[in-house]
Amino acid sequence: MNVRPFRPGDEVAICDIYNPYITGSTATFEEVPLQPPGMRERIDHYRALHPWLVCEDDGLIVGYSYARPYHERAAYRHTVEVSVYIRQGHGRRGIGRLLYAPLIDQLRASGCHALLAVISLPNEASVALHESLGFVKVGHLREVGRKFDRWLDIGHWQRLL
């Protein structure tokens, strides 16, 4: 497996990975699947400031990770929210760790100080991944999202660099 920066055209595979999370899970609170042009616009917006990485396995993109600003106000500029998504059927192969390692290194090198992961609960796999990478739970918000006719909690995990 190979981790590399996003390249134009990757947005098609990224949509293929992300859209099943939108339509079939509570891992994201988005409710409308994205088309590649909209995904590309989002990626370009985030990449202007922070890395967006993909993991390939024999030419197939099997996951991606990225960072985005936590908040727009200037004093938050050293804090980012990080995310990782893995293609369905490719979980539990270490892809999340593989994607996060260079992302964290690049964020550290760019001067980031605090990484935040916002996890929809329950999500044991995501919690386990983040805690194995040194993230610590720092908050829990109850019933802040509604999807599939139910209220959902989120947890906040943080790692200081």
C-alpha atoms as a PDB file:
ATOM      1  CA  MET A   1       0.000   0.000   0.000  1.00  0.00           C
ATOM      2  CA  ASN A   2       1.139   3.504  -0.821  1.00  0.00           C
ATOM      3  CA  VAL A   3       0.121   6.797   0.803  1.00  0.00           C
ATOM      4  CA  ARG A   4       0.440   9.886  -1.356  1.00  0.00           C
ATOM      5  CA  PRO A   5      -0.995  13.393  -1.673  1.00  0.00           C
ATOM      6  CA  PHE A   6      -4.310  13.926  -3.436  1.00  0.00           C
ATOM      7  CA  ARG A   7      -4.081  14.279  -7.221  1.00  0.00           C
ATOM      8  CA  PRO A   8      -6.719  15.692  -9.550  1.00  0.00           C
ATOM      9  CA  GLY A   9      -9.062  12.886 -10.525  1.00  0.00           C
ATOM     10  CA  ASP A  10      -8.898  11.195  -7.101  1.00  0.00           C
ATOM     11  CA  GLU A  11     -12.175  12.894  -6.192  1.00  0.00           C
ATOM     12  CA  VAL A  12     -14.096  10.181  -8.074  1.00  0.00           C
ATOM     13  CA  ALA A  13     -12.709   7.388  -5.868  1.00  0.00           C
ATOM     14  CA  ILE A  14     -13.066   9.593  -2.789  1.00  0.00           C
ATOM     15  CA  CYS A  15     -16.783   9.997  -3.536  1.00  0.00           C
ATOM     16  CA  ASP A  16     -17.024   6.224  -3.986  1.00  0.00           C
ATOM     17  CA  ILE A  17     -15.556   5.814  -0.494  1.00  0.00           C
ATOM     18  CA  TYR A  18     -17.437   8.631   1.255  1.00  0.00           C
ATOM     19  CA  ASN A  19     -20.944   8.371  -0.204  1.00  0.00           C
ATOM     20  CA  PRO A  20     -21.771   4.980   1.402  1.00  0.00           C
ATOM     21  CA  TYR A  21     -20.966   6.587   4.770  1.00  0.00           C
ATOM     22  CA  ILE A  22     -23.470   9.332   3.935  1.00  0.00           C
ATOM     23  CA  THR A  23     -26.247   7.011   2.799  1.00  0.00           C
ATOM     24  CA  GLY A  24     -25.738   4.075   5.140  1.00  0.00           C
ATOM     25  CA  SER A  25     -24.075   5.152   8.361  1.00  0.00           C
ATOM     26  CA  THR A  26     -23.921   7.785  11.052  1.00  0.00           C
ATOM     27  CA  ALA A  27     -20.150   8.220  10.724  1.00  0.00           C
ATOM     28  CA  THR A  28     -20.902  11.517   8.978  1.00  0.00           C
ATOM     29  CA  PHE A  29     -23.830  13.810   9.588  1.00  0.00           C
ATOM     30  CA  GLU A  30     -24.058  14.667   5.903  1.00  0.00           C
ATOM     31  CA  GLU A  31     -27.237  13.372   4.309  1.00  0.00           C
ATOM     32  CA  VAL A  32     -26.859  14.064   0.586  1.00  0.00           C
ATOM     33  CA  PRO A  33     -24.244  12.146  -1.451  1.00  0.00           C
ATOM     34  CA  LEU A  34     -21.577  14.258  -3.111  1.00  0.00           C
ATOM     35  CA  GLN A  35     -20.722  14.344  -6.784  1.00  0.00           C
ATOM     36  CA  PRO A  36     -17.058  14.501  -7.839  1.00  0.00           C
ATOM     37  CA  PRO A  37     -17.086  18.228  -8.791  1.00  0.00           C
ATOM     38  CA  GLY A  38     -18.446  19.189  -5.364  1.00  0.00           C
ATOM     39  CA  MET A  39     -15.977  16.899  -3.631  1.00  0.00           C
ATOM     40  CA  ARG A  40     -13.127  18.389  -5.673  1.00  0.00           C
ATOM     41  CA  GLU A  41     -14.168  21.893  -4.623  1.00  0.00           C
ATOM     42  CA  ARG A  42     -14.165  20.826  -0.964  1.00  0.00           C
ATOM     43  CA  ILE A  43     -10.789  19.110  -1.289  1.00  0.00           C
ATOM     44  CA  ASP A  44      -9.201  22.117  -2.988  1.00  0.00           C
ATOM     45  CA  HIS A  45     -10.579  24.400  -0.276  1.00  0.00           C
ATOM     46  CA  TYR A  46      -9.058  22.298   2.526  1.00  0.00           C
ATOM     47  CA  ARG A  47      -5.806  21.581   0.654  1.00  0.00           C
ATOM     48  CA  ALA A  48      -5.113  25.284   0.453  1.00  0.00           C
ATOM     49  CA  LEU A  49      -4.109  25.073   4.113  1.00  0.00           C
ATOM     50  CA  HIS A  50      -3.608  21.433   5.093  1.00  0.00           C
ATOM     51  CA  PRO A  51      -2.736  18.006   3.636  1.00  0.00           C
ATOM     52  CA  TRP A  52      -5.189  15.654   1.979  1.00  0.00           C
ATOM     53  CA  LEU A  53      -3.777  12.142   1.542  1.00  0.00           C
ATOM     54  CA  VAL A  54      -4.956   8.980  -0.178  1.00  0.00           C
ATOM     55  CA  CYS A  55      -3.925   5.359   0.253  1.00  0.00           C
ATOM     56  CA  GLU A  56      -3.643   3.154  -2.817  1.00  0.00           C
ATOM     57  CA  ASP A  57      -3.551  -0.626  -2.892  1.00  0.00           C
ATOM     58  CA  ASP A  58      -2.685  -2.016  -6.332  1.00  0.00           C
ATOM     59  CA  GLY A  59      -3.933   1.203  -7.939  1.00  0.00           C
ATOM     60  CA  LEU A  60      -7.242   1.290  -6.040  1.00  0.00           C
ATOM     61  CA  ILE A  61      -7.761   4.157  -3.607  1.00  0.00           C
ATOM     62  CA  VAL A  62      -8.818   2.402  -0.400  1.00  0.00           C
ATOM     63  CA  GLY A  63      -8.886   5.354   1.988  1.00  0.00           C
ATOM     64  CA  TYR A  64      -8.110   8.981   2.575  1.00  0.00           C
ATOM     65  CA  SER A  65      -7.250  11.331   5.404  1.00  0.00           C
ATOM     66  CA  TYR A  66      -7.258  15.077   5.703  1.00  0.00           C
ATOM     67  CA  ALA A  67      -7.169  18.030   8.036  1.00  0.00           C
ATOM     68  CA  ARG A  68      -9.333  21.101   8.019  1.00  0.00           C
ATOM     69  CA  PRO A  69      -9.369  24.256  10.111  1.00  0.00           C
ATOM     70  CA  TYR A  70     -11.095  23.775  13.427  1.00  0.00           C
ATOM     71  CA  HIS A  71     -12.398  27.320  13.534  1.00  0.00           C
ATOM     72  CA  GLU A  72     -12.128  30.414  11.376  1.00  0.00           C
ATOM     73  CA  ARG A  73     -10.833  32.782  14.067  1.00  0.00           C
ATOM     74  CA  ALA A  74      -7.101  33.477  13.940  1.00  0.00           C
ATOM     75  CA  ALA A  75      -6.193  32.225  17.407  1.00  0.00           C
ATOM     76  CA  TYR A  76      -7.341  28.726  16.375  1.00  0.00           C
ATOM     77  CA  ARG A  77      -4.896  28.560  13.440  1.00  0.00           C
ATOM     78  CA  HIS A  78      -2.754  25.900  15.155  1.00  0.00           C
ATOM     79  CA  THR A  79      -5.720  23.591  15.786  1.00  0.00           C
ATOM     80  CA  VAL A  80      -7.173  21.303  13.113  1.00  0.00           C
ATOM     81  CA  GLU A  81      -9.879  18.691  12.839  1.00  0.00           C
ATOM     82  CA  VAL A  82      -8.648  15.445  11.294  1.00  0.00           C
ATOM     83  CA  SER A  83     -10.634  12.721   9.564  1.00  0.00           C
ATOM     84  CA  VAL A  84     -10.009   9.380   7.919  1.00  0.00           C
ATOM     85  CA  TYR A  85     -12.340   7.279   5.770  1.00  0.00           C
ATOM     86  CA  ILE A  86     -11.707   3.734   4.575  1.00  0.00           C
ATOM     87  CA  ARG A  87     -13.349   2.018   1.601  1.00  0.00           C
ATOM     88  CA  GLN A  88     -15.979  -0.455   2.771  1.00  0.00           C
ATOM     89  CA  GLY A  89     -14.601  -3.977   2.856  1.00  0.00           C
ATOM     90  CA  HIS A  90     -11.045  -2.734   3.536  1.00  0.00           C
ATOM     91  CA  GLY A  91     -11.311  -2.089   7.279  1.00  0.00           C
ATOM     92  CA  ARG A  92      -9.081  -3.629   9.927  1.00  0.00           C
ATOM     93  CA  ARG A  93      -6.054  -3.726   7.611  1.00  0.00           C
ATOM     94  CA  GLY A  94      -4.143  -0.848   9.198  1.00  0.00           C
ATOM     95  CA  ILE A  95      -5.106   1.651   6.503  1.00  0.00           C
ATOM     96  CA  GLY A  96      -6.287   4.245   9.032  1.00  0.00           C
ATOM     97  CA  ARG A  97      -2.969   4.159  10.883  1.00  0.00           C
ATOM     98  CA  LEU A  98      -1.093   4.195   7.578  1.00  0.00           C
ATOM     99  CA  LEU A  99      -2.971   7.326   6.493  1.00  0.00           C
ATOM    100  CA  TYR A 100      -2.715   9.137   9.808  1.00  0.00           C
ATOM    101  CA  ALA A 101       1.053   8.734  10.321  1.00  0.00           C
ATOM    102  CA  PRO A 102       2.170  11.027   7.459  1.00  0.00           C
ATOM    103  CA  LEU A 103      -0.782  13.360   8.027  1.00  0.00           C
ATOM    104  CA  ILE A 104       0.246  13.893  11.645  1.00  0.00           C
ATOM    105  CA  ASP A 105       3.906  14.343  10.648  1.00  0.00           C
ATOM    106  CA  GLN A 106       2.993  16.953   8.039  1.00  0.00           C
ATOM    107  CA  LEU A 107       0.708  18.802  10.447  1.00  0.00           C
ATOM    108  CA  ARG A 108       3.426  18.858  13.108  1.00  0.00           C
ATOM    109  CA  ALA A 109       5.950  20.200  10.573  1.00  0.00           C
ATOM    110  CA  SER A 110       3.520  22.940   9.535  1.00  0.00           C
ATOM    111  CA  GLY A 111       3.171  24.209  13.104  1.00  0.00           C
ATOM    112  CA  CYS A 112      -0.097  22.577  14.140  1.00  0.00           C
ATOM    113  CA  HIS A 113      -0.359  22.084  17.881  1.00  0.00           C
ATOM    114  CA  ALA A 114      -3.740  20.434  18.566  1.00  0.00           C
ATOM    115  CA  LEU A 115      -5.510  17.754  16.543  1.00  0.00           C
ATOM    116  CA  LEU A 116      -9.202  17.118  17.102  1.00  0.00           C
ATOM    117  CA  ALA A 117     -11.243  14.150  15.963  1.00  0.00           C
ATOM    118  CA  VAL A 118     -15.028  14.437  16.125  1.00  0.00           C
ATOM    119  CA  ILE A 119     -16.543  10.967  16.269  1.00  0.00           C
ATOM    120  CA  SER A 120     -20.213  10.089  15.961  1.00  0.00           C
ATOM    121  CA  LEU A 121     -21.107   7.693  18.741  1.00  0.00           C
ATOM    122  CA  PRO A 122     -21.146   4.792  19.005  1.00  0.00           C
ATOM    123  CA  ASN A 123     -18.198   4.033  16.713  1.00  0.00           C
ATOM    124  CA  GLU A 124     -15.885   1.578  18.450  1.00  0.00           C
ATOM    125  CA  ALA A 125     -13.513   1.186  15.484  1.00  0.00           C
ATOM    126  CA  SER A 126     -12.886   4.924  15.142  1.00  0.00           C
ATOM    127  CA  VAL A 127     -12.495   5.391  18.886  1.00  0.00           C
ATOM    128  CA  ALA A 128      -9.997   2.510  19.030  1.00  0.00           C
ATOM    129  CA  LEU A 129      -8.009   3.888  16.077  1.00  0.00           C
ATOM    130  CA  HIS A 130      -7.757   7.384  17.511  1.00  0.00           C
ATOM    131  CA  GLU A 131      -6.905   6.228  21.029  1.00  0.00           C
ATOM    132  CA  SER A 132      -4.198   3.919  19.638  1.00  0.00           C
ATOM    133  CA  LEU A 133      -2.661   7.032  18.045  1.00  0.00           C
ATOM    134  CA  GLY A 134      -2.581   8.979  21.297  1.00  0.00           C
ATOM    135  CA  PHE A 135      -5.889  10.836  21.061  1.00  0.00           C
ATOM    136  CA  VAL A 136      -7.715  11.292  24.378  1.00  0.00           C
ATOM    137  CA  LYS A 137     -11.439  11.823  24.833  1.00  0.00           C
ATOM    138  CA  VAL A 138     -12.033  15.390  25.990  1.00  0.00           C
ATOM    139  CA  GLY A 139     -15.744  15.888  25.421  1.00  0.00           C
ATOM    140  CA  HIS A 140     -19.124  14.360  24.753  1.00  0.00           C
ATOM    141  CA  LEU A 141     -22.107  16.187  23.282  1.00  0.00           C
ATOM    142  CA  ARG A 142     -25.477  14.506  23.542  1.00  0.00           C
ATOM    143  CA  GLU A 143     -28.091  14.418  20.796  1.00  0.00           C
ATOM    144  CA  VAL A 144     -26.530  17.127  18.628  1.00  0.00           C
ATOM    145  CA  GLY A 145     -27.273  15.442  15.293  1.00  0.00           C
ATOM    146  CA  ARG A 146     -30.307  13.754  13.846  1.00  0.00           C
ATOM    147  CA  LYS A 147     -30.020  11.186  11.098  1.00  0.00           C
ATOM    148  CA  PHE A 148     -32.090   8.119  10.192  1.00  0.00           C
ATOM    149  CA  ASP A 149     -34.826   9.334  12.563  1.00  0.00           C
ATOM    150  CA  ARG A 150     -32.690   9.174  15.679  1.00  0.00           C
ATOM    151  CA  TRP A 151     -30.683  11.571  17.810  1.00  0.00           C
ATOM    152  CA  LEU A 152     -26.921  11.104  17.748  1.00  0.00           C
ATOM    153  CA  ASP A 153     -24.113  11.955  20.136  1.00  0.00           C
ATOM    154  CA  ILE A 154     -20.609  13.012  19.198  1.00  0.00           C
ATOM    155  CA  GLY A 155     -17.381  12.718  21.113  1.00  0.00           C
ATOM    156  CA  HIS A 156     -14.312  14.888  20.835  1.00  0.00           C
ATOM    157  CA  TRP A 157     -10.850  13.322  20.959  1.00  0.00           C
ATOM    158  CA  GLN A 158      -7.689  15.439  21.093  1.00  0.00           C
ATOM    159  CA  ARG A 159      -4.007  14.923  20.544  1.00  0.00           C
ATOM    160  CA  LEU A 160      -1.404  17.579  21.260  1.00  0.00           C
ATOM    161  CA  LEU A 161       1.719  17.633  19.093  1.00  0.00           C
END
